[in-house]
Amino acid sequence: MKKMLLIAALAASVAMPAFAKNFAVPSNDPAVTITVPDDWKTQKIDYGFSARPQDESVVFYAESTDAKGLDKMMALNESWMKENKIKPKGKPVEQDFEMGGLKASLLRYAAEDENGETMVDFVFVPVSGNRLVMFTLWGSEEERKDHGDAIKGIQRSIKSIN
C-alpha cells in the first residue's frame, strides 16, 4: 500500500507544472512580461534582472532602456564580457525573427570563456515608443542543452504588454 501511495505521489508531482517567477521589464513602466523557473536564482541589475539555474552554468539577462540610454547599456555589456573573460571569435551571426509577437534581432557570438567554447546571444526587441528590451543568454552549447526546456520556456513566455 505504501508503495502505491509513493508511486501516486511521484506521478502527481511530475504532472504538476513547475512554479515560476513572473517579471515585467522594465519594472517601472513595463513593455514585456517574462516568466522564469522558480528554482532559478534571480537578481536585480542596473537595467533589469538576471536569472540562472542552481548550477549557474547559463545566465539569462533581461534589460531595458530608451534610445538615449542604449550606448551606456551596451558599454556596460562590453565591460561585462571583459570581466567574465568572454572573448568573441569574430563577427556575430545576425538574424531577424519574431519573439512573442514582437520583431527581434539576434546577434550570436561564438566565443571562448574560462571554461572553453561558449556562445553569447544578444536579442534586441524594440517596444513601445523609443524603448528597447535586450535579452542576453550566455552558455556553452552543452550547458544550453542541459537547461533547454527551461530556456525554451523563458523564451516562449516573453509577451508584449502593449
N, C-alpha and C. Protein backbone atom coordinates (compact mmCIF):
# COMPACT_ATOMS: atom_id res chain seq x y z
N MET A 1 0.82 -1.20 0.00
CA MET A 1 0.00 0.00 0.00
C MET A 1 0.87 1.27 0.00
N LYS A 2 1.91 1.27 0.85
CA LYS A 2 2.79 2.44 0.90
C LYS A 2 3.45 2.66 -0.46
N LYS A 3 3.81 1.55 -1.11
CA LYS A 3 4.45 1.65 -2.41
C LYS A 3 3.51 2.30 -3.42
N MET A 4 2.23 1.93 -3.38
CA MET A 4 1.24 2.51 -4.29
C MET A 4 1.07 4.01 -4.03
N LEU A 5 1.05 4.41 -2.75
CA LEU A 5 0.91 5.83 -2.41
C LEU A 5 2.13 6.62 -2.88
N LEU A 6 3.32 6.02 -2.71
CA LEU A 6 4.53 6.68 -3.16
C LEU A 6 4.52 6.86 -4.68
N ILE A 7 4.13 5.84 -5.41
CA ILE A 7 4.05 5.93 -6.87
C ILE A 7 3.04 6.99 -7.29
N ALA A 8 1.89 7.03 -6.62
CA ALA A 8 0.86 8.03 -6.94
C ALA A 8 1.37 9.44 -6.65
N ALA A 9 2.08 9.62 -5.55
CA ALA A 9 2.62 10.94 -5.20
C ALA A 9 3.67 11.38 -6.21
N LEU A 10 4.54 10.46 -6.63
CA LEU A 10 5.55 10.79 -7.63
C LEU A 10 4.91 11.15 -8.97
N ALA A 11 3.90 10.39 -9.37
CA ALA A 11 3.20 10.68 -10.64
C ALA A 11 2.53 12.04 -10.58
N ALA A 12 1.93 12.38 -9.46
CA ALA A 12 1.27 13.68 -9.32
C ALA A 12 2.28 14.82 -9.37
N SER A 13 3.44 14.61 -8.75
CA SER A 13 4.43 15.69 -8.74
C SER A 13 5.01 15.91 -10.14
N VAL A 14 5.13 14.87 -10.94
CA VAL A 14 5.63 15.02 -12.31
C VAL A 14 4.59 15.73 -13.17
N ALA A 15 3.34 15.48 -12.94
CA ALA A 15 2.27 16.07 -13.76
C ALA A 15 2.02 17.53 -13.43
N MET A 16 2.38 17.97 -12.22
CA MET A 16 2.11 19.34 -11.82
C MET A 16 3.09 20.30 -12.49
N PRO A 17 2.61 21.47 -12.92
CA PRO A 17 3.53 22.43 -13.52
C PRO A 17 4.48 22.98 -12.48
N ALA A 18 5.69 23.34 -12.92
CA ALA A 18 6.66 23.94 -12.02
C ALA A 18 6.23 25.36 -11.68
N PHE A 19 6.54 25.78 -10.46
CA PHE A 19 6.25 27.14 -10.08
C PHE A 19 7.18 28.07 -10.85
N ALA A 20 6.77 29.30 -11.04
CA ALA A 20 7.58 30.22 -11.83
C ALA A 20 7.49 31.62 -11.26
N LYS A 21 8.51 32.42 -11.56
CA LYS A 21 8.56 33.82 -11.17
C LYS A 21 8.23 34.65 -12.40
N ASN A 22 7.35 35.62 -12.24
CA ASN A 22 6.97 36.49 -13.34
C ASN A 22 7.63 37.86 -13.16
N PHE A 23 8.13 38.40 -14.25
CA PHE A 23 8.79 39.70 -14.23
C PHE A 23 8.19 40.59 -15.31
N ALA A 24 8.15 41.88 -15.03
CA ALA A 24 7.79 42.88 -16.02
C ALA A 24 9.05 43.68 -16.31
N VAL A 25 9.30 43.96 -17.59
CA VAL A 25 10.50 44.69 -17.98
C VAL A 25 10.11 45.86 -18.86
N PRO A 26 10.52 47.06 -18.55
CA PRO A 26 11.14 47.46 -17.29
C PRO A 26 10.10 47.43 -16.16
N SER A 27 10.57 47.38 -14.95
CA SER A 27 9.65 47.22 -13.82
C SER A 27 8.80 48.45 -13.57
N ASN A 28 9.28 49.65 -13.89
CA ASN A 28 8.53 50.87 -13.60
C ASN A 28 7.47 51.22 -14.65
N ASP A 29 7.66 50.84 -15.90
CA ASP A 29 6.70 51.09 -16.97
C ASP A 29 6.81 49.92 -17.95
N PRO A 30 6.25 48.77 -17.59
CA PRO A 30 6.51 47.52 -18.32
C PRO A 30 6.11 47.55 -19.79
N ALA A 31 6.97 46.91 -20.61
CA ALA A 31 6.70 46.73 -22.02
C ALA A 31 6.48 45.25 -22.34
N VAL A 32 7.17 44.36 -21.57
CA VAL A 32 7.03 42.92 -21.76
C VAL A 32 6.96 42.22 -20.41
N THR A 33 6.41 41.01 -20.43
CA THR A 33 6.45 40.15 -19.26
C THR A 33 7.27 38.91 -19.60
N ILE A 34 7.90 38.35 -18.59
CA ILE A 34 8.76 37.18 -18.75
C ILE A 34 8.53 36.27 -17.54
N THR A 35 8.53 34.97 -17.78
CA THR A 35 8.41 34.00 -16.71
C THR A 35 9.70 33.19 -16.65
N VAL A 36 10.24 33.07 -15.45
CA VAL A 36 11.48 32.35 -15.19
C VAL A 36 11.17 31.21 -14.22
N PRO A 37 11.78 30.03 -14.39
CA PRO A 37 11.55 28.94 -13.45
C PRO A 37 11.82 29.36 -12.01
N ASP A 38 10.99 28.91 -11.10
CA ASP A 38 11.08 29.29 -9.70
C ASP A 38 12.40 28.88 -9.07
N ASP A 39 12.99 27.79 -9.53
CA ASP A 39 14.24 27.34 -8.92
C ASP A 39 15.47 28.05 -9.49
N TRP A 40 15.28 28.98 -10.42
CA TRP A 40 16.39 29.77 -10.92
C TRP A 40 16.62 30.95 -9.98
N LYS A 41 17.88 31.28 -9.76
CA LYS A 41 18.24 32.43 -8.93
C LYS A 41 18.07 33.69 -9.77
N THR A 42 17.43 34.69 -9.20
CA THR A 42 17.25 35.95 -9.91
C THR A 42 17.87 37.08 -9.11
N GLN A 43 18.26 38.12 -9.82
CA GLN A 43 18.89 39.27 -9.19
C GLN A 43 18.59 40.52 -9.99
N LYS A 44 18.31 41.61 -9.29
CA LYS A 44 18.11 42.90 -9.95
C LYS A 44 19.46 43.41 -10.41
N ILE A 45 19.50 43.94 -11.63
CA ILE A 45 20.73 44.55 -12.17
C ILE A 45 20.38 45.95 -12.66
N ASP A 46 21.37 46.70 -13.13
CA ASP A 46 21.18 48.10 -13.50
C ASP A 46 19.98 48.36 -14.41
N TYR A 47 19.82 47.58 -15.45
CA TYR A 47 18.77 47.85 -16.42
C TYR A 47 17.66 46.80 -16.44
N GLY A 48 17.64 45.90 -15.45
CA GLY A 48 16.60 44.86 -15.44
C GLY A 48 16.89 43.80 -14.41
N PHE A 49 17.01 42.53 -14.86
CA PHE A 49 17.29 41.43 -13.94
C PHE A 49 18.09 40.35 -14.64
N SER A 50 18.71 39.50 -13.82
CA SER A 50 19.41 38.33 -14.34
C SER A 50 18.80 37.09 -13.71
N ALA A 51 18.94 35.96 -14.39
CA ALA A 51 18.43 34.69 -13.87
C ALA A 51 19.39 33.58 -14.28
N ARG A 52 19.58 32.63 -13.37
CA ARG A 52 20.45 31.50 -13.66
C ARG A 52 19.99 30.28 -12.89
N PRO A 53 20.20 29.09 -13.48
CA PRO A 53 19.82 27.87 -12.77
C PRO A 53 20.71 27.66 -11.55
N GLN A 54 20.34 26.71 -10.72
CA GLN A 54 21.11 26.45 -9.49
C GLN A 54 22.58 26.14 -9.77
N ASP A 55 22.88 25.44 -10.87
CA ASP A 55 24.29 25.12 -11.17
C ASP A 55 25.03 26.29 -11.82
N GLU A 56 24.33 27.37 -12.08
CA GLU A 56 24.89 28.61 -12.63
C GLU A 56 25.64 28.43 -13.94
N SER A 57 25.30 27.41 -14.70
CA SER A 57 26.01 27.13 -15.94
C SER A 57 25.62 28.04 -17.09
N VAL A 58 24.39 28.54 -17.09
CA VAL A 58 23.95 29.51 -18.10
C VAL A 58 23.40 30.73 -17.38
N VAL A 59 23.41 31.85 -18.07
CA VAL A 59 22.88 33.09 -17.48
C VAL A 59 21.98 33.76 -18.51
N PHE A 60 20.83 34.23 -18.02
CA PHE A 60 19.86 34.97 -18.84
C PHE A 60 19.71 36.35 -18.24
N TYR A 61 19.74 37.37 -19.08
CA TYR A 61 19.54 38.74 -18.63
C TYR A 61 18.39 39.35 -19.42
N ALA A 62 17.60 40.18 -18.76
CA ALA A 62 16.57 40.98 -19.41
C ALA A 62 16.82 42.42 -19.00
N GLU A 63 17.06 43.28 -19.98
CA GLU A 63 17.37 44.68 -19.71
C GLU A 63 16.55 45.58 -20.62
N SER A 64 16.32 46.79 -20.16
CA SER A 64 15.53 47.74 -20.94
C SER A 64 16.12 49.13 -20.82
N THR A 65 16.00 49.87 -21.91
CA THR A 65 16.45 51.26 -21.91
C THR A 65 15.71 52.01 -23.00
N ASP A 66 15.86 53.31 -23.00
CA ASP A 66 15.34 54.11 -24.11
C ASP A 66 16.50 54.40 -25.05
N ALA A 67 16.22 55.07 -26.14
CA ALA A 67 17.25 55.33 -27.15
C ALA A 67 18.45 56.08 -26.56
N LYS A 68 18.19 57.00 -25.61
CA LYS A 68 19.28 57.77 -25.02
C LYS A 68 20.20 56.92 -24.17
N GLY A 69 19.68 55.85 -23.56
CA GLY A 69 20.49 55.02 -22.66
C GLY A 69 21.15 53.82 -23.32
N LEU A 70 20.90 53.63 -24.62
CA LEU A 70 21.41 52.43 -25.30
C LEU A 70 22.93 52.35 -25.28
N ASP A 71 23.61 53.44 -25.57
CA ASP A 71 25.07 53.41 -25.59
C ASP A 71 25.64 53.04 -24.22
N LYS A 72 25.07 53.59 -23.17
CA LYS A 72 25.54 53.29 -21.82
C LYS A 72 25.29 51.81 -21.48
N MET A 73 24.11 51.29 -21.83
CA MET A 73 23.80 49.89 -21.56
C MET A 73 24.75 48.98 -22.34
N MET A 74 25.03 49.30 -23.59
CA MET A 74 25.94 48.49 -24.39
C MET A 74 27.37 48.56 -23.85
N ALA A 75 27.78 49.72 -23.35
CA ALA A 75 29.11 49.84 -22.74
C ALA A 75 29.21 48.96 -21.50
N LEU A 76 28.13 48.91 -20.71
CA LEU A 76 28.11 48.03 -19.54
C LEU A 76 28.22 46.56 -19.95
N ASN A 77 27.55 46.20 -21.03
CA ASN A 77 27.61 44.82 -21.51
C ASN A 77 29.00 44.48 -22.05
N GLU A 78 29.65 45.44 -22.68
CA GLU A 78 31.02 45.22 -23.15
C GLU A 78 31.95 45.00 -21.95
N SER A 79 31.78 45.80 -20.90
CA SER A 79 32.57 45.62 -19.68
C SER A 79 32.28 44.27 -19.04
N TRP A 80 30.99 43.86 -19.06
CA TRP A 80 30.58 42.57 -18.51
C TRP A 80 31.31 41.44 -19.23
N MET A 81 31.40 41.52 -20.55
CA MET A 81 32.11 40.48 -21.31
C MET A 81 33.58 40.43 -20.91
N LYS A 82 34.21 41.58 -20.75
CA LYS A 82 35.62 41.62 -20.35
C LYS A 82 35.80 41.07 -18.94
N GLU A 83 34.93 41.46 -18.01
CA GLU A 83 35.00 40.97 -16.63
C GLU A 83 34.87 39.46 -16.56
N ASN A 84 34.03 38.90 -17.42
CA ASN A 84 33.80 37.46 -17.43
C ASN A 84 34.72 36.73 -18.40
N LYS A 85 35.71 37.45 -18.91
CA LYS A 85 36.72 36.88 -19.81
C LYS A 85 36.09 36.17 -21.01
N ILE A 86 35.05 36.79 -21.55
CA ILE A 86 34.39 36.28 -22.75
C ILE A 86 35.05 36.95 -23.95
N LYS A 87 35.64 36.12 -24.82
CA LYS A 87 36.35 36.63 -25.98
C LYS A 87 35.65 36.17 -27.25
N PRO A 88 34.97 37.09 -27.94
CA PRO A 88 34.30 36.72 -29.20
C PRO A 88 35.31 36.23 -30.23
N LYS A 89 34.85 35.29 -31.06
CA LYS A 89 35.68 34.75 -32.14
C LYS A 89 35.18 35.32 -33.46
N GLY A 90 35.40 36.58 -33.68
CA GLY A 90 34.97 37.19 -34.93
C GLY A 90 33.62 37.88 -34.80
N LYS A 91 33.06 38.17 -35.95
CA LYS A 91 31.79 38.90 -36.02
C LYS A 91 30.63 37.99 -35.63
N PRO A 92 29.55 38.58 -35.09
CA PRO A 92 28.40 37.77 -34.70
C PRO A 92 27.56 37.36 -35.91
N VAL A 93 26.81 36.28 -35.73
CA VAL A 93 25.79 35.89 -36.69
C VAL A 93 24.59 36.79 -36.40
N GLU A 94 24.02 37.38 -37.43
CA GLU A 94 22.87 38.26 -37.26
C GLU A 94 21.64 37.62 -37.87
N GLN A 95 20.50 37.77 -37.17
CA GLN A 95 19.25 37.18 -37.66
C GLN A 95 18.07 37.98 -37.12
N ASP A 96 17.10 38.24 -37.99
CA ASP A 96 15.84 38.85 -37.57
C ASP A 96 14.81 37.74 -37.43
N PHE A 97 13.96 37.85 -36.42
CA PHE A 97 12.93 36.85 -36.18
C PHE A 97 11.82 37.45 -35.35
N GLU A 98 10.83 36.66 -34.99
CA GLU A 98 9.73 37.12 -34.16
C GLU A 98 9.76 36.39 -32.83
N MET A 99 9.53 37.12 -31.75
CA MET A 99 9.53 36.56 -30.40
C MET A 99 8.32 37.09 -29.65
N GLY A 100 7.41 36.21 -29.30
CA GLY A 100 6.24 36.63 -28.54
C GLY A 100 5.41 37.67 -29.27
N GLY A 101 5.37 37.58 -30.59
CA GLY A 101 4.62 38.55 -31.38
C GLY A 101 5.37 39.85 -31.63
N LEU A 102 6.61 39.92 -31.22
CA LEU A 102 7.42 41.12 -31.39
C LEU A 102 8.56 40.86 -32.37
N LYS A 103 8.89 41.86 -33.18
CA LYS A 103 10.04 41.73 -34.07
C LYS A 103 11.31 41.82 -33.22
N ALA A 104 12.27 40.95 -33.52
CA ALA A 104 13.50 40.91 -32.75
C ALA A 104 14.70 40.73 -33.68
N SER A 105 15.86 41.16 -33.19
CA SER A 105 17.11 40.98 -33.91
C SER A 105 18.10 40.28 -32.99
N LEU A 106 18.75 39.25 -33.52
CA LEU A 106 19.71 38.45 -32.76
C LEU A 106 21.12 38.74 -33.23
N LEU A 107 22.03 38.90 -32.28
CA LEU A 107 23.47 38.89 -32.53
C LEU A 107 24.01 37.72 -31.71
N ARG A 108 24.49 36.67 -32.38
CA ARG A 108 25.03 35.49 -31.69
C ARG A 108 26.54 35.45 -31.89
N TYR A 109 27.25 35.52 -30.77
CA TYR A 109 28.70 35.47 -30.79
C TYR A 109 29.19 34.09 -30.40
N ALA A 110 29.95 33.45 -31.28
CA ALA A 110 30.74 32.29 -30.88
C ALA A 110 31.91 32.89 -30.11
N ALA A 111 32.22 32.31 -28.95
CA ALA A 111 33.24 32.92 -28.10
C ALA A 111 33.95 31.86 -27.26
N GLU A 112 34.92 32.33 -26.50
CA GLU A 112 35.60 31.50 -25.52
C GLU A 112 35.54 32.22 -24.19
N ASP A 113 35.39 31.43 -23.11
CA ASP A 113 35.50 31.97 -21.77
C ASP A 113 36.45 31.07 -20.99
N GLU A 114 36.51 31.22 -19.70
CA GLU A 114 37.45 30.43 -18.89
C GLU A 114 37.19 28.93 -18.98
N ASN A 115 35.97 28.53 -19.36
CA ASN A 115 35.63 27.11 -19.44
C ASN A 115 35.76 26.56 -20.85
N GLY A 116 36.12 27.38 -21.82
CA GLY A 116 36.27 26.91 -23.19
C GLY A 116 35.26 27.56 -24.12
N GLU A 117 34.77 26.75 -25.08
CA GLU A 117 33.82 27.25 -26.08
C GLU A 117 32.51 27.69 -25.41
N THR A 118 31.98 28.83 -25.86
CA THR A 118 30.71 29.33 -25.33
C THR A 118 30.01 30.14 -26.41
N MET A 119 28.80 30.56 -26.13
CA MET A 119 28.04 31.43 -27.02
C MET A 119 27.39 32.53 -26.18
N VAL A 120 27.29 33.69 -26.78
CA VAL A 120 26.56 34.80 -26.15
C VAL A 120 25.58 35.33 -27.18
N ASP A 121 24.30 35.30 -26.82
CA ASP A 121 23.25 35.84 -27.68
C ASP A 121 22.77 37.16 -27.10
N PHE A 122 22.69 38.16 -27.94
CA PHE A 122 22.05 39.43 -27.59
C PHE A 122 20.83 39.54 -28.50
N VAL A 123 19.65 39.63 -27.90
CA VAL A 123 18.41 39.77 -28.66
C VAL A 123 17.84 41.14 -28.37
N PHE A 124 17.66 41.94 -29.41
CA PHE A 124 17.14 43.30 -29.28
C PHE A 124 15.69 43.32 -29.75
N VAL A 125 14.81 43.85 -28.89
CA VAL A 125 13.38 43.91 -29.21
C VAL A 125 12.91 45.35 -29.02
N PRO A 126 12.63 46.07 -30.12
CA PRO A 126 12.05 47.40 -29.99
C PRO A 126 10.62 47.27 -29.45
N VAL A 127 10.31 48.06 -28.45
CA VAL A 127 8.96 48.04 -27.88
C VAL A 127 8.37 49.44 -27.96
N SER A 128 7.29 49.69 -27.30
CA SER A 128 6.57 50.95 -27.43
C SER A 128 7.47 52.18 -27.32
N GLY A 129 7.11 53.18 -28.09
CA GLY A 129 7.87 54.44 -28.07
C GLY A 129 9.27 54.22 -28.57
N ASN A 130 10.23 54.83 -27.90
CA ASN A 130 11.63 54.68 -28.31
C ASN A 130 12.38 53.73 -27.38
N ARG A 131 11.64 52.80 -26.77
CA ARG A 131 12.26 51.87 -25.83
C ARG A 131 12.72 50.59 -26.51
N LEU A 132 13.67 49.94 -25.86
CA LEU A 132 14.25 48.71 -26.37
C LEU A 132 14.43 47.75 -25.19
N VAL A 133 14.09 46.49 -25.41
CA VAL A 133 14.37 45.45 -24.43
C VAL A 133 15.45 44.57 -25.04
N MET A 134 16.47 44.24 -24.23
CA MET A 134 17.53 43.37 -24.70
C MET A 134 17.60 42.15 -23.79
N PHE A 135 17.64 40.98 -24.43
CA PHE A 135 17.79 39.73 -23.70
C PHE A 135 19.17 39.18 -24.04
N THR A 136 19.86 38.67 -23.03
CA THR A 136 21.18 38.09 -23.23
C THR A 136 21.16 36.67 -22.68
N LEU A 137 21.72 35.74 -23.42
CA LEU A 137 21.87 34.37 -22.96
C LEU A 137 23.32 33.97 -23.16
N TRP A 138 23.98 33.50 -22.08
CA TRP A 138 25.38 33.12 -22.12
C TRP A 138 25.51 31.70 -21.62
N GLY A 139 26.13 30.85 -22.40
CA GLY A 139 26.40 29.48 -22.00
C GLY A 139 26.87 28.67 -23.19
N SER A 140 27.56 27.59 -22.90
CA SER A 140 28.04 26.73 -23.98
C SER A 140 26.87 25.97 -24.59
N GLU A 141 27.10 25.36 -25.73
CA GLU A 141 26.06 24.59 -26.40
C GLU A 141 25.58 23.45 -25.48
N GLU A 142 26.49 22.78 -24.82
CA GLU A 142 26.13 21.68 -23.91
C GLU A 142 25.32 22.19 -22.72
N GLU A 143 25.76 23.31 -22.13
CA GLU A 143 25.03 23.89 -20.99
C GLU A 143 23.63 24.32 -21.40
N ARG A 144 23.51 24.86 -22.60
CA ARG A 144 22.19 25.26 -23.10
C ARG A 144 21.31 24.04 -23.29
N LYS A 145 21.87 22.95 -23.78
CA LYS A 145 21.10 21.71 -23.95
C LYS A 145 20.64 21.19 -22.59
N ASP A 146 21.54 21.24 -21.59
CA ASP A 146 21.19 20.76 -20.26
C ASP A 146 20.00 21.50 -19.66
N HIS A 147 19.85 22.77 -20.02
CA HIS A 147 18.76 23.61 -19.50
C HIS A 147 17.80 24.01 -20.61
N GLY A 148 17.76 23.21 -21.67
CA GLY A 148 16.98 23.54 -22.86
C GLY A 148 15.51 23.78 -22.60
N ASP A 149 14.87 22.92 -21.80
CA ASP A 149 13.43 23.10 -21.54
C ASP A 149 13.17 24.41 -20.82
N ALA A 150 13.99 24.72 -19.82
CA ALA A 150 13.81 25.97 -19.07
C ALA A 150 14.05 27.18 -19.97
N ILE A 151 15.10 27.13 -20.80
CA ILE A 151 15.41 28.24 -21.69
C ILE A 151 14.28 28.44 -22.70
N LYS A 152 13.79 27.36 -23.28
CA LYS A 152 12.67 27.46 -24.23
C LYS A 152 11.44 28.01 -23.53
N GLY A 153 11.21 27.60 -22.29
CA GLY A 153 10.06 28.12 -21.54
C GLY A 153 10.17 29.61 -21.31
N ILE A 154 11.36 30.09 -20.97
CA ILE A 154 11.58 31.52 -20.78
C ILE A 154 11.32 32.25 -22.10
N GLN A 155 11.90 31.74 -23.19
CA GLN A 155 11.73 32.39 -24.49
C GLN A 155 10.26 32.42 -24.90
N ARG A 156 9.53 31.34 -24.69
CA ARG A 156 8.11 31.29 -25.06
C ARG A 156 7.25 32.20 -24.17
N SER A 157 7.73 32.48 -22.96
CA SER A 157 6.94 33.28 -22.01
C SER A 157 6.99 34.78 -22.32
N ILE A 158 7.93 35.23 -23.13
CA ILE A 158 8.11 36.66 -23.38
C ILE A 158 6.92 37.17 -24.19
N LYS A 159 6.19 38.10 -23.59
CA LYS A 159 4.99 38.65 -24.22
C LYS A 159 4.97 40.16 -24.10
N SER A 160 4.47 40.80 -25.14
CA SER A 160 4.30 42.26 -25.12
C SER A 160 3.11 42.62 -24.25
N ILE A 161 3.23 43.69 -23.50
CA ILE A 161 2.11 44.18 -22.69
C ILE A 161 1.23 45.08 -23.53
N ASN A 162 1.81 45.79 -24.50
CA ASN A 162 1.04 46.77 -25.30
C ASN A 162 0.39 46.13 -26.49
